[in-house]
Amino acid sequence: MVNKSAATLAATIFLTAMVAVNGLSQQRPLVTEDVDIVPPGSVRFEIGFDLQQNRNYPLSGLNGDLSRLGVVAMAFGLAPNVEVEAGGVMQNYLSINRQYRPGATPLMLTAATNSTHDTGDFYLATKIRLRPETRRRPSLGFRFGAELPNSNQSRGIGVNQNNFFATVIAGKSVGRLRVYGNLGIGILTAPLELFTQNDVVLYGIAATWRWSDRLTLAGELQGRYNTRNMAPRGTESDGMARFGARIRAAGLTWDIAGLRGLHRDSSRSGITVGVTYEAPLFQVVK
């Protein structure tokens, strides 16, 4: 029932955004958060599609090629320095290559099964801009939120756990170049160990270069890093390098990026494509 509700919510968000007028704010194809806030009274909607090759799932022990359909994110500007966000993956499809290690949880799969699918885990977050950028000082912000247990661990893709995250954000522009980064902590519930969690370091460093009014190049290194000698299964280090571009055309902002895994269990390579809309939603009372 939770999976159906999440998919219904995401579909509703998508249909609402289809009638929106495009604006200027943009996050995709990067995951590292910028300090910039969606304008008050506006909503930004992003939807994308990922293909990732040779990804490990330590909890289930599966290795395969992942297709993420409907990677959605929605951000509402509530004030000049506050936005609230929600997002997730409407459906994950895994083409199974092999069982690279014994699974730690019972799976709804047979030995002859060569693929599986599941709803992704959705998240809720709030971002606050603490200080605007000046000529000498970077802008500063803070973002915190929670990941919800929408996935079903028996399908071999998700971990079906509640997780918390909080990051400090900084950003600075120099001409056409903008550099920004995230550093914080993720509190991940250990799927197999009662009353246990793993506190991981969340990191991200990104840069964008405005080539022209229509084209912006973008790249980042982003992920989480486990500081333990041996992470509880399902909370290992994970991260991706992304390099791509944003293109404004036909009244929309399109994006595309290549992906490269940073850690042992990360996807070896991949590609992501998507589109962003932004529109006024309500009038802010002054």
Protein backbone atom coordinates (compact mmCIF):
# COMPACT_ATOMS: atom_id res chain seq x y z
CA MET A 1 0.00 0.00 0.00
CA VAL A 2 2.88 2.37 0.78
CA ASN A 3 4.41 1.74 -2.65
CA LYS A 4 1.15 2.51 -4.42
CA SER A 5 0.69 5.72 -2.42
CA ALA A 6 4.19 6.90 -3.25
CA ALA A 7 3.72 6.18 -6.95
CA THR A 8 0.35 7.97 -6.95
CA LEU A 9 1.87 11.03 -5.26
CA ALA A 10 4.73 11.16 -7.75
CA ALA A 11 2.35 10.81 -10.69
CA THR A 12 0.20 13.65 -9.35
CA ILE A 13 3.27 15.86 -9.02
CA PHE A 14 4.25 15.08 -12.61
CA LEU A 15 0.81 15.90 -14.04
CA THR A 16 0.70 19.16 -12.11
CA ALA A 17 4.09 20.20 -13.43
CA MET A 18 3.17 19.43 -17.04
CA VAL A 19 1.03 22.60 -17.13
CA ALA A 20 3.69 24.77 -15.46
CA VAL A 21 5.62 27.61 -17.03
CA ASN A 22 9.38 27.09 -17.09
CA GLY A 23 11.61 29.25 -14.86
CA LEU A 24 15.30 29.67 -14.11
CA SER A 25 16.20 27.49 -11.10
CA GLN A 26 17.90 24.21 -11.84
CA GLN A 27 19.48 21.34 -9.92
CA ARG A 28 19.75 18.43 -12.37
CA PRO A 29 21.79 16.66 -13.60
CA LEU A 30 23.75 17.15 -10.36
CA VAL A 31 22.86 15.85 -6.90
CA THR A 32 25.06 18.20 -4.85
CA GLU A 33 22.80 20.94 -3.46
CA ASP A 34 23.41 24.61 -4.20
CA VAL A 35 22.57 27.31 -1.64
CA ASP A 36 20.11 28.94 -4.05
CA ILE A 37 16.44 28.77 -3.03
CA VAL A 38 13.39 28.42 -5.28
CA PRO A 39 11.69 31.87 -5.40
CA PRO A 40 8.94 32.32 -2.78
CA GLY A 41 5.57 31.12 -4.03
CA SER A 42 7.12 29.04 -6.84
CA VAL A 43 7.52 25.32 -7.37
CA ARG A 44 10.34 23.55 -9.20
CA PHE A 45 9.73 20.08 -10.59
CA GLU A 46 12.39 17.75 -11.99
CA ILE A 47 11.96 14.38 -13.62
CA GLY A 48 14.64 12.17 -15.08
CA PHE A 49 15.73 8.73 -16.19
CA ASP A 50 18.94 6.90 -15.22
CA LEU A 51 20.79 3.90 -16.61
CA GLN A 52 23.53 2.49 -14.34
CA GLN A 53 25.74 -0.49 -15.16
CA ASN A 54 27.28 -3.14 -12.93
CA ARG A 55 25.91 -2.03 -9.56
CA ASN A 56 26.28 -4.09 -6.36
CA TYR A 57 23.54 -4.46 -3.74
CA PRO A 58 25.31 -5.66 -0.56
CA LEU A 59 22.10 -6.45 1.35
CA SER A 60 20.66 -8.82 -1.28
CA GLY A 61 24.03 -9.81 -2.78
CA LEU A 62 22.81 -9.01 -6.30
CA ASN A 63 24.83 -7.37 -9.07
CA GLY A 64 23.10 -5.93 -12.11
CA ASP A 65 22.28 -3.07 -14.45
CA LEU A 66 19.83 -0.57 -12.94
CA SER A 67 17.21 1.50 -14.78
CA ARG A 68 15.60 4.24 -12.69
CA LEU A 69 12.32 5.43 -14.26
CA GLY A 70 10.77 8.62 -12.96
CA VAL A 71 13.51 10.12 -10.80
CA VAL A 72 11.36 12.97 -9.45
CA ALA A 73 12.06 15.93 -7.19
CA MET A 74 9.82 18.82 -6.19
CA ALA A 75 10.81 21.99 -4.30
CA PHE A 76 8.51 24.73 -2.95
CA GLY A 77 9.77 28.23 -2.15
CA LEU A 78 8.13 29.24 1.14
CA ALA A 79 10.24 32.32 1.91
CA PRO A 80 13.25 34.15 0.43
CA ASN A 81 15.54 31.83 2.40
CA VAL A 82 13.48 28.63 2.88
CA GLU A 83 12.32 25.83 0.60
CA VAL A 84 10.82 22.41 1.27
CA GLU A 85 11.52 19.41 -0.95
CA ALA A 86 10.21 15.96 -1.73
CA GLY A 87 11.39 13.34 -4.19
CA GLY A 88 12.29 9.77 -4.98
CA VAL A 89 12.19 7.14 -7.71
CA MET A 90 8.86 5.96 -9.06
CA GLN A 91 10.24 2.60 -10.25
CA ASN A 92 13.61 0.83 -10.20
CA TYR A 93 14.28 -2.01 -12.65
CA LEU A 94 17.30 -4.25 -12.10
CA SER A 95 18.57 -6.58 -14.81
CA ILE A 96 20.42 -9.18 -12.71
CA ASN A 97 23.93 -10.13 -13.85
CA ARG A 98 24.87 -12.45 -11.00
CA GLN A 99 24.67 -13.17 -7.28
CA TYR A 100 28.08 -11.81 -6.28
CA ARG A 101 27.70 -12.69 -2.58
CA PRO A 102 25.15 -14.56 -0.43
CA GLY A 103 22.04 -12.51 0.30
CA ALA A 104 21.31 -11.48 3.89
CA THR A 105 17.50 -11.22 3.58
CA PRO A 106 14.87 -13.53 2.03
CA LEU A 107 14.08 -12.54 -1.57
CA MET A 108 10.89 -12.88 -3.62
CA LEU A 109 13.03 -14.28 -6.45
CA THR A 110 13.83 -17.71 -7.83
CA ALA A 111 17.08 -19.04 -9.24
CA ALA A 112 15.70 -18.57 -12.75
CA THR A 113 14.76 -14.90 -12.19
CA ASN A 114 16.87 -12.53 -14.28
CA SER A 115 15.27 -9.22 -13.28
CA THR A 116 13.42 -7.49 -10.47
CA HIS A 117 11.71 -4.13 -9.89
CA ASP A 118 10.57 -2.00 -6.97
CA THR A 119 9.51 1.50 -5.94
CA GLY A 120 12.40 3.65 -4.71
CA ASP A 121 12.67 5.25 -1.28
CA PHE A 122 11.25 8.80 -1.22
CA TYR A 123 12.58 11.68 0.90
CA LEU A 124 11.37 14.89 2.56
CA ALA A 125 13.79 17.78 3.21
CA THR A 126 14.06 21.46 4.11
CA LYS A 127 16.78 23.83 2.87
CA ILE A 128 17.57 27.15 4.56
CA ARG A 129 19.85 29.85 3.19
CA LEU A 130 21.71 31.24 6.19
CA ARG A 131 23.80 33.91 4.47
CA PRO A 132 23.77 35.39 0.95
CA GLU A 133 26.89 35.56 -1.17
CA THR A 134 28.98 38.73 -1.14
CA ARG A 135 31.94 39.83 -3.24
CA ARG A 136 34.39 38.16 -0.85
CA ARG A 137 32.36 35.64 1.13
CA PRO A 138 30.50 32.53 -0.11
CA SER A 139 26.84 31.96 0.54
CA LEU A 140 26.00 29.48 3.30
CA GLY A 141 23.04 27.20 3.86
CA PHE A 142 21.79 24.19 5.79
CA ARG A 143 19.70 21.26 4.58
CA PHE A 144 18.17 18.42 6.59
CA GLY A 145 15.61 15.72 5.98
CA ALA A 146 14.66 12.07 6.13
CA GLU A 147 14.48 9.15 3.71
CA LEU A 148 11.30 7.08 4.00
CA PRO A 149 10.99 3.26 3.85
CA ASN A 150 8.96 2.91 0.64
CA SER A 151 11.00 0.08 -0.90
CA ASN A 152 10.57 -3.66 -0.32
CA GLN A 153 13.85 -5.33 0.69
CA SER A 154 12.61 -8.72 -0.50
CA ARG A 155 12.84 -7.47 -4.11
CA GLY A 156 16.61 -7.10 -3.79
CA ILE A 157 17.01 -3.38 -4.59
CA GLY A 158 16.04 -1.20 -1.61
CA VAL A 159 16.74 -1.49 2.12
CA ASN A 160 13.31 -0.32 3.44
CA GLN A 161 14.73 1.77 6.31
CA ASN A 162 14.27 5.23 7.83
CA ASN A 163 17.40 7.37 7.38
CA PHE A 164 18.24 10.95 8.45
CA PHE A 165 20.62 13.41 6.79
CA ALA A 166 21.90 16.94 7.43
CA THR A 167 24.46 18.96 5.45
CA VAL A 168 26.07 22.38 5.46
CA ILE A 169 26.10 24.04 2.02
CA ALA A 170 28.48 26.70 0.66
CA GLY A 171 28.67 28.32 -2.77
CA LYS A 172 30.62 31.02 -4.61
CA SER A 173 30.42 32.48 -8.12
CA VAL A 174 33.38 33.89 -10.06
CA GLY A 175 32.26 35.23 -13.41
CA ARG A 176 30.64 32.39 -15.33
CA LEU A 177 32.01 29.77 -12.95
CA ARG A 178 30.06 28.67 -9.87
CA VAL A 179 31.52 26.29 -7.28
CA TYR A 180 29.55 24.85 -4.38
CA GLY A 181 29.77 21.98 -1.95
CA ASN A 182 28.02 19.95 0.75
CA LEU A 183 29.41 18.36 3.89
CA GLY A 184 27.38 16.65 6.57
CA ILE A 185 26.24 13.48 8.27
CA GLY A 186 23.86 10.67 7.36
CA ILE A 187 22.37 8.48 10.08
CA LEU A 188 21.58 5.17 8.39
CA THR A 189 19.58 2.44 10.08
CA ALA A 190 21.39 -0.92 9.91
CA PRO A 191 18.92 -3.30 8.19
CA LEU A 192 20.20 -6.47 9.89
CA GLU A 193 21.26 -5.32 13.36
CA LEU A 194 18.71 -4.39 16.05
CA PHE A 195 19.18 -0.96 17.68
CA THR A 196 22.15 -0.21 15.39
CA GLN A 197 22.93 2.66 13.03
CA ASN A 198 25.86 3.78 10.91
CA ASP A 199 26.82 7.47 10.88
CA VAL A 200 28.37 8.21 7.48
CA VAL A 201 29.96 11.34 6.05
CA LEU A 202 27.94 12.98 3.27
CA TYR A 203 30.02 14.91 0.74
CA GLY A 204 29.60 16.74 -2.53
CA ILE A 205 31.67 19.19 -4.58
CA ALA A 206 30.25 20.63 -7.79
CA ALA A 207 31.01 23.26 -10.42
CA THR A 208 29.02 24.77 -13.28
CA TRP A 209 30.24 26.89 -16.19
CA ARG A 210 27.73 29.06 -18.08
CA TRP A 211 28.94 28.61 -21.65
CA SER A 212 26.07 30.67 -23.06
CA ASP A 213 22.51 31.68 -22.23
CA ARG A 214 21.35 28.27 -23.47
CA LEU A 215 24.20 25.95 -22.45
CA THR A 216 25.72 25.29 -19.01
CA LEU A 217 28.35 22.64 -18.31
CA ALA A 218 28.15 20.88 -14.93
CA GLY A 219 30.18 18.34 -12.96
CA GLU A 220 30.43 16.92 -9.45
CA LEU A 221 31.76 14.29 -7.05
CA GLN A 222 29.03 13.28 -4.60
CA GLY A 223 28.16 10.47 -2.22
CA ARG A 224 28.54 9.06 1.28
CA TYR A 225 31.64 7.67 3.01
CA ASN A 226 31.63 4.99 5.69
CA THR A 227 34.23 5.65 8.40
CA ARG A 228 33.99 2.24 10.11
CA ASN A 229 36.43 -0.58 9.48
CA MET A 230 33.43 -2.72 8.54
CA ALA A 231 30.10 -1.05 7.75
CA PRO A 232 26.84 -2.73 8.79
CA ARG A 233 25.55 -4.46 5.69
CA GLY A 234 23.41 -2.12 3.61
CA THR A 235 25.16 1.08 4.79
CA GLU A 236 28.43 0.87 2.83
CA SER A 237 30.14 3.78 1.07
CA ASP A 238 28.49 4.87 -2.18
CA GLY A 239 29.00 7.74 -4.60
CA MET A 240 29.10 8.94 -8.20
CA ALA A 241 31.01 11.35 -10.40
CA ARG A 242 28.83 13.22 -12.89
CA PHE A 243 29.73 15.42 -15.84
CA GLY A 244 27.20 16.79 -18.27
CA ALA A 245 25.26 19.80 -19.47
CA ARG A 246 22.03 21.76 -19.15
CA ILE A 247 20.39 22.96 -22.34
CA ARG A 248 17.56 25.47 -22.59
CA ALA A 249 15.37 24.69 -25.59
CA ALA A 250 11.68 24.75 -26.52
CA GLY A 251 10.88 26.64 -23.32
CA LEU A 252 12.31 23.88 -21.09
CA THR A 253 15.63 23.08 -19.40
CA TRP A 254 16.97 19.70 -20.49
CA ASP A 255 19.95 17.93 -18.97
CA ILE A 256 22.24 15.00 -19.66
CA ALA A 257 25.27 13.63 -17.80
CA GLY A 258 27.61 10.65 -17.77
CA LEU A 259 28.09 8.75 -14.49
CA ARG A 260 31.09 6.98 -12.96
CA GLY A 261 31.11 5.11 -9.66
CA LEU A 262 33.44 6.22 -6.85
CA HIS A 263 33.30 3.23 -4.48
CA ARG A 264 33.43 -0.56 -4.68
CA ASP A 265 29.67 -1.11 -4.63
CA SER A 266 28.79 1.96 -6.74
CA SER A 267 27.64 1.61 -10.34
CA ARG A 268 30.59 1.26 -12.70
CA SER A 269 29.17 3.71 -15.26
CA GLY A 270 25.91 5.14 -16.50
CA ILE A 271 23.95 8.04 -17.96
CA THR A 272 21.17 10.31 -16.75
CA VAL A 273 18.78 12.53 -18.71
CA GLY A 274 15.98 14.76 -17.47
CA VAL A 275 13.99 17.98 -17.66
CA THR A 276 13.09 20.76 -15.22
CA TYR A 277 10.03 23.02 -14.89
CA GLU A 278 9.51 25.96 -12.57
CA ALA A 279 6.34 28.00 -12.14
CA PRO A 280 4.57 30.38 -9.73
CA LEU A 281 2.21 28.44 -7.49
CA PHE A 282 0.85 30.99 -5.02
CA GLN A 283 1.32 34.62 -4.08
CA VAL A 284 3.43 35.32 -1.03
CA VAL A 285 1.77 37.72 1.43
CA LYS A 286 4.13 40.58 2.31
